[in-house]
């Protein structure tokens, strides 16, 4: 009996369950078990193949790269719970508040710092939405500009190192996480710079959209403000330099640097006077919750991949992707379109564990070098960041909606995101046309 249909049918069945709202980890594992039984019954799958599943799960648990994920989540959550974002936004907002668009510029700067210090998107968007949005609206900022700049700046955690997204991408694509960090540094900072230029242009052309703070809201003693700014900004900058600098200099692996960052975040909380039992408990609980979600997804994806390959589904996917018109260019176009579309409905981790390994197999078949795979990885991260901002399903927009006052309509949030989506697309096109933006900081002959 012909059984070639089992692989494609398994792929379609898994996505139907996911889009029907079932948890992704259980959709993948359940589909794998059902199709494993069907495959064994039709003599299309060797039942001995399933004996490898415990070994693969054991391999996941001992994966040194993925150990960086809970460390970076812990670091970001600890900084969040210790109200680092609140201090930064308040202080930087007063520094720039005297000029038109100053509060929006402060959001971009703080969003970049939080992205580099935490790498966690949802927390950054919610924190800046709750802290800065009421102030911006109170002093006359247009709703679209205020919500758009918050959603876009909070999403920088997708691309600015040490992004958790880049850690998982590095593991799934088989490239060095440190190389992805280096490759994403210039595009991430350039993107933040484009956001700032847009804010300045709006403040110049439509000053009523981004008014300056009234004089009575500004501090009288600028020296005291500068001193406070240094006190607030220097500690996270030192932490960023310790984490990223140790990775770029080759002194530590991403996992080791993440551990240093976790301890550093607790030290900052201690010296700020906010190292409490509640902060530590909430940080540990949030880290455990997110890490457990990632591991459950990975276990489900591991079982799915094992059965899918046993049924020959990986050959079907690989042949489909490598036979596209245009060869490598065709693969890149289809990969970006698929990832962008799935980014509306699936979390990044779900996309990484299901789609990225399939794309990696096709890239290996087409002879992508290590540097080219790093370039593709940064493009995919930028792509996901764009889909996170795109109405009506963008995850960042949902995060912001939950932190936005009811008087701000959802349509204003959607309209506010559109200019930043255009900026994202410009940056994505620049990276696609000029790979040197990514590969310029990579060592010659980069190896994973």
Protein backbone atom coordinates (compact mmCIF):
# COMPACT_ATOMS: atom_id res chain seq x y z
CA UNK A 1 0.00 0.00 0.00
CA UNK A 2 1.26 3.45 -0.87
CA UNK A 3 2.03 5.35 2.34
CA UNK A 4 3.82 8.45 1.04
CA UNK A 5 0.75 10.48 1.98
CA UNK A 6 1.32 9.93 5.72
CA UNK A 7 4.06 12.59 6.07
CA UNK A 8 2.11 15.43 4.41
CA UNK A 9 -1.10 14.37 6.18
CA UNK A 10 0.68 14.43 9.55
CA UNK A 11 2.01 17.94 8.86
CA UNK A 12 -1.45 19.23 7.89
CA UNK A 13 -3.16 17.51 10.84
CA UNK A 14 -0.78 19.10 13.35
CA UNK A 15 -1.42 22.60 12.01
CA UNK A 16 -5.18 22.06 11.90
CA UNK A 17 -5.13 21.17 15.60
CA UNK A 18 -2.93 24.17 16.39
CA UNK A 19 -5.18 26.59 14.50
CA UNK A 20 -8.23 25.10 16.22
CA UNK A 21 -6.79 26.36 19.49
CA UNK A 22 -5.28 23.25 21.05
CA UNK A 23 -2.00 23.79 22.95
CA UNK A 24 0.86 23.46 20.49
CA UNK A 25 2.93 21.03 22.57
CA UNK A 26 -0.01 18.63 22.93
CA UNK A 27 -1.04 19.08 19.29
CA UNK A 28 2.42 18.03 18.13
CA UNK A 29 2.77 15.11 20.56
CA UNK A 30 -0.79 13.89 20.02
CA UNK A 31 -0.48 14.02 16.23
CA UNK A 32 2.82 12.14 16.47
CA UNK A 33 1.31 9.34 18.58
CA UNK A 34 -1.73 8.93 16.30
CA UNK A 35 0.33 8.84 13.11
CA UNK A 36 2.91 6.55 14.72
CA UNK A 37 0.12 4.05 15.42
CA UNK A 38 -1.20 4.41 11.86
CA UNK A 39 2.29 4.08 10.42
CA UNK A 40 3.02 0.91 12.41
CA UNK A 41 -0.37 -0.57 11.41
CA UNK A 42 0.34 0.13 7.72
CA UNK A 43 3.92 -1.17 8.07
CA UNK A 44 5.22 2.29 7.10
CA UNK A 45 7.02 2.95 10.40
CA UNK A 46 9.45 0.79 12.33
CA UNK A 47 8.14 0.69 15.93
CA UNK A 48 11.73 0.41 17.16
CA UNK A 49 12.23 4.02 16.04
CA UNK A 50 10.19 5.20 19.04
CA UNK A 51 12.85 3.77 21.37
CA UNK A 52 15.01 6.73 20.40
CA UNK A 53 12.52 9.21 21.87
CA UNK A 54 13.80 9.00 25.51
CA UNK A 55 17.36 9.44 24.26
CA UNK A 56 16.37 12.55 22.31
CA UNK A 57 14.58 14.01 25.33
CA UNK A 58 17.69 13.31 27.41
CA UNK A 59 19.73 15.12 24.78
CA UNK A 60 17.38 18.12 25.01
CA UNK A 61 17.78 18.26 28.78
CA UNK A 62 21.56 18.31 28.43
CA UNK A 63 21.65 20.90 25.63
CA UNK A 64 24.22 23.50 26.72
CA UNK A 65 22.91 26.16 24.31
CA UNK A 66 19.31 25.93 25.50
CA UNK A 67 20.48 26.28 29.10
CA UNK A 68 20.99 29.96 28.27
CA UNK A 69 17.22 30.43 27.85
CA UNK A 70 16.23 30.26 31.56
CA UNK A 71 19.25 32.40 32.49
CA UNK A 72 18.27 35.22 30.12
CA UNK A 73 14.61 34.95 31.12
CA UNK A 74 15.63 35.16 34.78
CA UNK A 75 17.87 38.16 34.11
CA UNK A 76 15.17 40.04 32.24
CA UNK A 77 12.43 39.23 34.75
CA UNK A 78 14.61 40.22 37.71
CA UNK A 79 15.36 43.60 36.13
CA UNK A 80 11.66 44.01 35.37
CA UNK A 81 10.47 43.14 38.88
CA UNK A 82 13.05 45.49 40.42
CA UNK A 83 11.43 48.35 38.47
CA UNK A 84 14.48 49.13 36.31
CA UNK A 85 12.20 50.14 33.41
CA UNK A 86 10.27 52.53 35.63
CA UNK A 87 13.44 54.28 36.80
CA UNK A 88 14.86 54.49 33.29
CA UNK A 89 11.68 55.84 31.70
CA UNK A 90 11.12 58.44 34.41
CA UNK A 91 14.68 59.74 34.37
CA UNK A 92 15.31 59.62 30.62
CA UNK A 93 11.87 61.14 30.01
CA UNK A 94 12.83 64.17 32.10
CA UNK A 95 16.16 64.51 30.27
CA UNK A 96 14.51 64.65 26.82
CA UNK A 97 11.17 66.07 27.94
CA UNK A 98 12.10 69.69 27.27
CA UNK A 99 12.02 69.12 23.51
CA UNK A 100 9.16 68.09 21.22
CA UNK A 101 9.03 64.35 20.87
CA UNK A 102 11.29 63.96 23.89
CA UNK A 103 9.11 61.42 25.67
CA UNK A 104 8.89 59.30 22.53
CA UNK A 105 12.67 59.47 22.12
CA UNK A 106 13.01 58.35 25.74
CA UNK A 107 10.80 55.35 24.98
CA UNK A 108 13.02 54.37 22.02
CA UNK A 109 16.19 54.71 24.10
CA UNK A 110 14.81 52.82 27.08
CA UNK A 111 13.33 50.18 24.77
CA UNK A 112 16.77 49.61 23.28
CA UNK A 113 18.40 49.41 26.71
CA UNK A 114 15.74 47.00 27.98
CA UNK A 115 16.13 44.87 24.85
CA UNK A 116 19.89 44.68 25.39
CA UNK A 117 19.49 44.04 29.11
CA UNK A 118 16.59 41.58 29.10
CA UNK A 119 15.82 40.17 25.64
CA UNK A 120 12.19 39.59 26.70
CA UNK A 121 9.57 41.25 24.46
CA UNK A 122 6.28 40.94 26.32
CA UNK A 123 7.63 42.32 29.58
CA UNK A 124 9.17 45.36 27.85
CA UNK A 125 5.98 46.25 25.95
CA UNK A 126 3.74 45.90 29.00
CA UNK A 127 6.12 47.80 31.29
CA UNK A 128 6.52 50.77 28.94
CA UNK A 129 2.81 50.75 28.15
CA UNK A 130 1.85 50.94 31.81
CA UNK A 131 4.50 53.50 32.78
CA UNK A 132 4.97 55.87 29.83
CA UNK A 133 1.69 55.75 27.90
CA UNK A 134 -0.44 57.51 30.58
CA UNK A 135 2.20 60.28 30.83
CA UNK A 136 2.41 60.74 27.05
CA UNK A 137 -1.36 60.91 26.72
CA UNK A 138 -1.68 63.28 29.68
CA UNK A 139 0.61 65.84 28.01
CA UNK A 140 -1.07 65.73 24.62
CA UNK A 141 0.74 63.09 22.57
CA UNK A 142 -1.30 61.73 19.70
CA UNK A 143 -2.56 58.26 20.54
CA UNK A 144 -1.20 56.68 17.36
CA UNK A 145 2.34 57.98 17.91
CA UNK A 146 2.40 57.05 21.61
CA UNK A 147 1.14 53.50 21.14
CA UNK A 148 3.16 52.89 17.97
CA UNK A 149 6.50 53.90 19.47
CA UNK A 150 5.87 51.80 22.60
CA UNK A 151 4.89 48.67 20.67
CA UNK A 152 7.82 49.00 18.25
CA UNK A 153 10.46 49.83 20.88
CA UNK A 154 9.30 47.04 23.17
CA UNK A 155 9.64 44.57 20.30
CA UNK A 156 13.34 45.37 19.85
CA UNK A 157 13.96 42.52 22.28
CA UNK A 158 13.40 40.19 19.31
CA UNK A 159 16.54 41.32 17.51
CA UNK A 160 18.84 43.24 19.88
CA UNK A 161 21.27 40.84 21.66
CA UNK A 162 21.05 39.01 24.03
CA UNK A 163 17.66 38.10 22.58
CA UNK A 164 16.13 34.79 23.67
CA UNK A 165 14.89 34.53 20.07
CA UNK A 166 18.49 34.47 18.81
CA UNK A 167 19.49 31.85 21.40
CA UNK A 168 16.79 29.45 20.21
CA UNK A 169 17.46 30.25 16.55
CA UNK A 170 21.13 29.46 17.03
CA UNK A 171 20.32 26.08 18.54
CA UNK A 172 17.77 25.11 15.90
CA UNK A 173 19.82 26.35 12.93
CA UNK A 174 23.08 24.87 14.13
CA UNK A 175 24.98 28.17 14.21
CA UNK A 176 26.85 29.78 17.06
CA UNK A 177 24.67 31.93 19.32
CA UNK A 178 27.57 34.34 19.74
CA UNK A 179 27.75 34.72 15.95
CA UNK A 180 24.02 35.48 15.81
CA UNK A 181 24.50 38.07 18.55
CA UNK A 182 27.30 39.72 16.56
CA UNK A 183 25.31 39.55 13.34
CA UNK A 184 22.19 41.09 14.88
CA UNK A 185 23.98 43.94 16.67
CA UNK A 186 24.23 46.39 13.74
CA UNK A 187 20.70 45.74 12.32
CA UNK A 188 19.19 45.99 15.82
CA UNK A 189 20.85 49.29 16.68
CA UNK A 190 20.18 50.65 13.18
CA UNK A 191 16.51 49.81 13.60
CA UNK A 192 16.38 51.70 16.90
CA UNK A 193 18.08 54.64 15.16
CA UNK A 194 15.44 54.63 12.41
CA UNK A 195 12.70 54.69 15.07
CA UNK A 196 14.35 57.73 16.65
CA UNK A 197 14.65 59.50 13.27
CA UNK A 198 10.96 58.89 12.62
CA UNK A 199 10.06 60.40 16.00
CA UNK A 200 12.19 63.47 15.27
CA UNK A 201 10.58 63.84 11.84
CA UNK A 202 7.07 63.66 13.31
CA UNK A 203 7.96 66.18 16.02
CA UNK A 204 9.27 68.54 13.33
CA UNK A 205 6.44 68.16 10.82
CA UNK A 206 3.54 67.74 13.26
CA UNK A 207 4.62 69.35 16.53
CA UNK A 208 1.12 69.09 17.98
CA UNK A 209 1.47 65.27 17.91
CA UNK A 210 4.49 65.27 20.22
CA UNK A 211 4.53 68.33 22.52
CA UNK A 212 7.31 69.09 24.97
CA UNK A 213 6.68 68.73 28.69
CA UNK A 214 5.54 71.95 30.38
CA UNK A 215 8.33 73.77 32.28
CA UNK A 216 6.77 73.06 35.66
CA UNK A 217 7.17 69.30 35.03
CA UNK A 218 10.90 69.61 34.40
CA UNK A 219 13.46 69.54 37.23
CA UNK A 220 15.05 72.82 38.23
CA UNK A 221 18.47 71.36 38.97
CA UNK A 222 19.86 69.87 35.74
CA UNK A 223 23.01 68.73 37.50
CA UNK A 224 21.00 66.66 39.95
CA UNK A 225 19.06 65.18 37.03
CA UNK A 226 22.29 64.30 35.23
CA UNK A 227 23.62 62.64 38.38
CA UNK A 228 20.42 60.64 38.74
CA UNK A 229 20.58 59.66 35.07
CA UNK A 230 24.09 58.29 35.47
CA UNK A 231 23.02 56.38 38.57
CA UNK A 232 20.08 54.83 36.70
CA UNK A 233 21.73 54.14 33.32
CA UNK A 234 25.27 53.08 34.20
CA UNK A 235 24.40 49.83 36.09
CA UNK A 236 22.37 48.25 33.26
CA UNK A 237 24.98 49.39 30.73
CA UNK A 238 27.69 47.69 32.78
CA UNK A 239 25.57 44.54 32.93
CA UNK A 240 25.08 44.63 29.15
CA UNK A 241 28.82 45.04 28.60
CA UNK A 242 29.57 42.15 30.95
CA UNK A 243 27.12 39.82 29.21
CA UNK A 244 27.70 40.74 25.56
CA UNK A 245 31.35 41.70 25.97
CA UNK A 246 32.24 38.34 27.48
CA UNK A 247 30.51 36.56 24.59
CA UNK A 248 32.02 38.72 21.84
CA UNK A 249 35.50 38.47 23.37
CA UNK A 250 35.23 34.70 23.55
CA UNK A 251 35.65 34.70 27.34
CA UNK A 252 32.30 33.00 28.00
CA UNK A 253 29.67 30.98 26.21
CA UNK A 254 26.12 32.43 25.99
CA UNK A 255 25.07 30.08 28.79
CA UNK A 256 27.90 31.22 31.07
CA UNK A 257 27.24 34.87 30.20
CA UNK A 258 23.54 34.36 30.93
CA UNK A 259 24.42 32.99 34.38
CA UNK A 260 26.60 36.04 35.03
CA UNK A 261 23.74 38.27 33.86
CA UNK A 262 21.29 36.57 36.23
CA UNK A 263 23.57 37.16 39.20
CA UNK A 264 24.22 40.71 37.99
CA UNK A 265 20.49 41.46 37.84
CA UNK A 266 20.11 40.36 41.46
CA UNK A 267 23.08 42.52 42.44
CA UNK A 268 21.46 45.54 40.76
CA UNK A 269 18.23 44.81 42.61
CA UNK A 270 20.18 44.63 45.88
CA UNK A 271 21.96 47.94 45.40
CA UNK A 272 18.73 49.65 44.36
CA UNK A 273 17.18 48.56 47.65
CA UNK A 274 14.62 46.32 45.95
CA UNK A 275 16.09 42.90 46.60
CA UNK A 276 13.15 41.38 48.44
CA UNK A 277 11.74 37.91 48.90
CA UNK A 278 8.79 38.86 46.72
CA UNK A 279 11.01 40.01 43.83
CA UNK A 280 13.06 36.80 43.93
CA UNK A 281 9.96 34.61 44.26
CA UNK A 282 8.11 36.28 41.38
CA UNK A 283 11.23 36.16 39.20
CA UNK A 284 11.79 32.46 39.91
CA UNK A 285 8.12 31.60 39.28
CA UNK A 286 8.01 33.48 35.98
CA UNK A 287 11.27 31.91 34.86
CA UNK A 288 9.99 28.45 35.77
CA UNK A 289 6.70 29.02 33.93
CA UNK A 290 8.30 30.24 30.69
CA UNK A 291 11.07 27.63 30.76
CA UNK A 292 8.57 24.83 31.34
CA UNK A 293 6.53 26.08 28.38
CA UNK A 294 9.62 26.06 26.16
CA UNK A 295 10.63 22.56 27.27
CA UNK A 296 7.13 21.15 26.78
CA UNK A 297 7.11 22.60 23.28
CA UNK A 298 10.52 21.13 22.59
CA UNK A 299 9.54 17.67 23.86
CA UNK A 300 6.37 17.70 21.73
CA UNK A 301 8.34 18.92 18.71
CA UNK A 302 10.99 16.23 19.29
CA UNK A 303 8.39 13.44 19.20
CA UNK A 304 6.71 15.02 16.17
CA UNK A 305 10.01 15.30 14.29
CA UNK A 306 10.98 11.70 15.11
CA UNK A 307 7.75 10.26 13.73
CA UNK A 308 7.61 12.74 10.83
CA UNK A 309 11.06 11.70 9.69
CA UNK A 310 10.21 8.02 10.20
CA UNK A 311 7.33 8.46 7.77
CA UNK A 312 9.57 10.22 5.24
CA UNK A 313 8.00 13.63 5.77
CA UNK A 314 11.36 15.37 6.02
CA UNK A 315 12.25 14.21 2.49
CA UNK A 316 8.94 15.58 1.21
CA UNK A 317 9.59 18.97 2.83
CA UNK A 318 13.20 19.07 1.67
CA UNK A 319 12.32 18.21 -1.93
CA UNK A 320 9.55 20.81 -1.93
CA UNK A 321 11.85 23.56 -0.64
CA UNK A 322 14.92 22.73 -2.72
CA UNK A 323 12.96 22.45 -5.97
CA UNK A 324 11.42 25.93 -5.71
CA UNK A 325 11.90 28.26 -8.71
CA UNK A 326 14.92 30.47 -8.15
CA UNK A 327 16.83 27.98 -6.00
CA UNK A 328 18.30 29.69 -2.93
CA UNK A 329 16.50 32.99 -3.59
CA UNK A 330 13.20 31.14 -3.93
CA UNK A 331 13.83 29.33 -0.65
CA UNK A 332 14.56 32.61 1.16
CA UNK A 333 11.41 34.26 -0.21
CA UNK A 334 9.16 31.33 0.72
CA UNK A 335 10.82 30.93 4.14
CA UNK A 336 10.29 34.59 5.01
CA UNK A 337 6.69 34.56 3.79
CA UNK A 338 5.88 31.41 5.77
CA UNK A 339 7.55 32.67 8.95
CA UNK A 340 5.86 36.07 8.60
CA UNK A 341 2.44 34.45 8.16
CA UNK A 342 2.86 32.01 11.03
CA UNK A 343 4.08 34.86 13.25
CA UNK A 344 0.47 36.11 13.34
CA UNK A 345 -0.78 32.92 14.97
CA UNK A 346 2.12 31.14 16.67
CA UNK A 347 4.60 32.18 19.31
CA UNK A 348 8.22 32.37 18.27
CA UNK A 349 9.19 29.20 20.17
CA UNK A 350 6.52 27.24 18.33
CA UNK A 351 7.78 28.45 14.95
CA UNK A 352 11.39 27.76 15.93
CA UNK A 353 10.80 24.16 16.97
CA UNK A 354 8.49 23.24 14.06
CA UNK A 355 9.56 25.24 11.00
CA UNK A 356 13.20 26.25 11.47
CA UNK A 357 14.62 22.66 11.49
CA UNK A 358 12.83 21.99 8.18
CA UNK A 359 14.28 25.16 6.65
CA UNK A 360 17.73 24.29 7.99
CA UNK A 361 17.67 20.93 6.22
CA UNK A 362 16.86 22.63 2.92
CA UNK A 363 19.58 25.26 3.45
CA UNK A 364 22.14 22.55 4.10
CA UNK A 365 21.06 20.77 0.91
CA UNK A 366 21.49 23.99 -1.09
CA UNK A 367 24.97 24.60 0.33
CA UNK A 368 24.46 27.64 2.57
CA UNK A 369 27.69 28.54 4.36
CA UNK A 370 27.91 29.24 8.09
CA UNK A 371 27.95 33.01 7.55
CA UNK A 372 24.99 32.79 5.19
CA UNK A 373 23.00 30.84 7.78
CA UNK A 374 23.74 33.53 10.35
CA UNK A 375 22.52 36.11 7.81
CA UNK A 376 19.32 34.11 7.24
CA UNK A 377 18.82 33.75 10.99
CA UNK A 378 18.97 37.53 11.51
CA UNK A 379 16.53 38.04 8.61
CA UNK A 380 14.10 35.57 10.17
CA UNK A 381 14.37 37.35 13.54
CA UNK A 382 13.63 40.70 11.86
CA UNK A 383 10.78 39.07 9.98
CA UNK A 384 9.24 37.74 13.18
CA UNK A 385 9.62 41.15 14.79
CA UNK A 386 7.66 42.64 11.88
CA UNK A 387 4.86 40.08 12.18
CA UNK A 388 4.70 40.80 15.93
CA UNK A 389 3.82 44.41 15.03
CA UNK A 390 1.43 43.76 12.15
CA UNK A 391 -2.33 44.20 12.72
CA UNK A 392 -4.64 42.58 13.49
CA UNK A 393 -2.82 39.62 15.05
CA UNK A 394 0.56 41.02 16.12
CA UNK A 395 1.52 39.71 19.57
CA UNK A 396 3.07 43.03 20.64
CA UNK A 397 -0.20 44.79 19.85
CA UNK A 398 -2.04 42.32 22.08
CA UNK A 399 0.47 42.90 24.87
CA UNK A 400 0.02 46.66 24.55
CA UNK A 401 -3.77 46.41 24.35
CA UNK A 402 -3.74 44.74 27.78
CA UNK A 403 -1.78 47.66 29.26
CA UNK A 404 -3.63 50.48 27.46
CA UNK A 405 -6.45 52.58 28.99
CA UNK A 406 -9.92 51.84 27.61
CA UNK A 407 -10.23 55.33 26.13
CA UNK A 408 -7.53 54.42 23.58
CA UNK A 409 -9.29 52.43 20.82
CA UNK A 410 -7.70 49.35 19.31
CA UNK A 411 -7.79 51.02 15.90
CA UNK A 412 -5.44 53.74 17.20
CA UNK A 413 -2.95 51.06 18.25
CA UNK A 414 -3.19 49.46 14.79
CA UNK A 415 -2.72 52.78 12.98
CA UNK A 416 0.19 53.70 15.22
CA UNK A 417 2.03 50.49 14.32
CA UNK A 418 1.86 51.04 10.54
CA UNK A 419 4.77 53.54 10.18
CA UNK A 420 7.00 51.31 12.28
CA UNK A 421 6.08 48.30 10.16
CA UNK A 422 7.25 50.28 7.14
CA UNK A 423 10.54 51.00 8.95
CA UNK A 424 10.87 47.30 9.76
CA UNK A 425 10.38 46.38 6.10
CA UNK A 426 13.03 48.92 5.05
CA UNK A 427 15.48 47.37 7.52
CA UNK A 428 14.59 43.85 6.40
CA UNK A 429 15.15 44.82 2.75
CA UNK A 430 18.48 46.43 3.66
CA UNK A 431 19.66 43.25 5.42
CA UNK A 432 18.49 41.12 2.49
CA UNK A 433 20.30 43.30 -0.08
CA UNK A 434 23.41 43.98 1.99
CA UNK A 435 24.41 40.86 3.95
CA UNK A 436 27.50 42.76 5.14
CA UNK A 437 25.26 44.47 7.70
CA UNK A 438 25.13 41.06 9.40
CA UNK A 439 28.36 39.38 8.41
CA UNK A 440 30.64 42.42 8.86
CA UNK A 441 31.30 41.61 12.53
CA UNK A 442 31.71 37.87 12.00
CA UNK A 443 35.09 36.21 11.96
CA UNK A 444 36.24 34.75 8.65
CA UNK A 445 35.26 31.12 8.33
CA UNK A 446 32.70 31.31 11.13
CA UNK A 447 31.84 27.92 12.57
CA UNK A 448 28.98 27.00 14.88
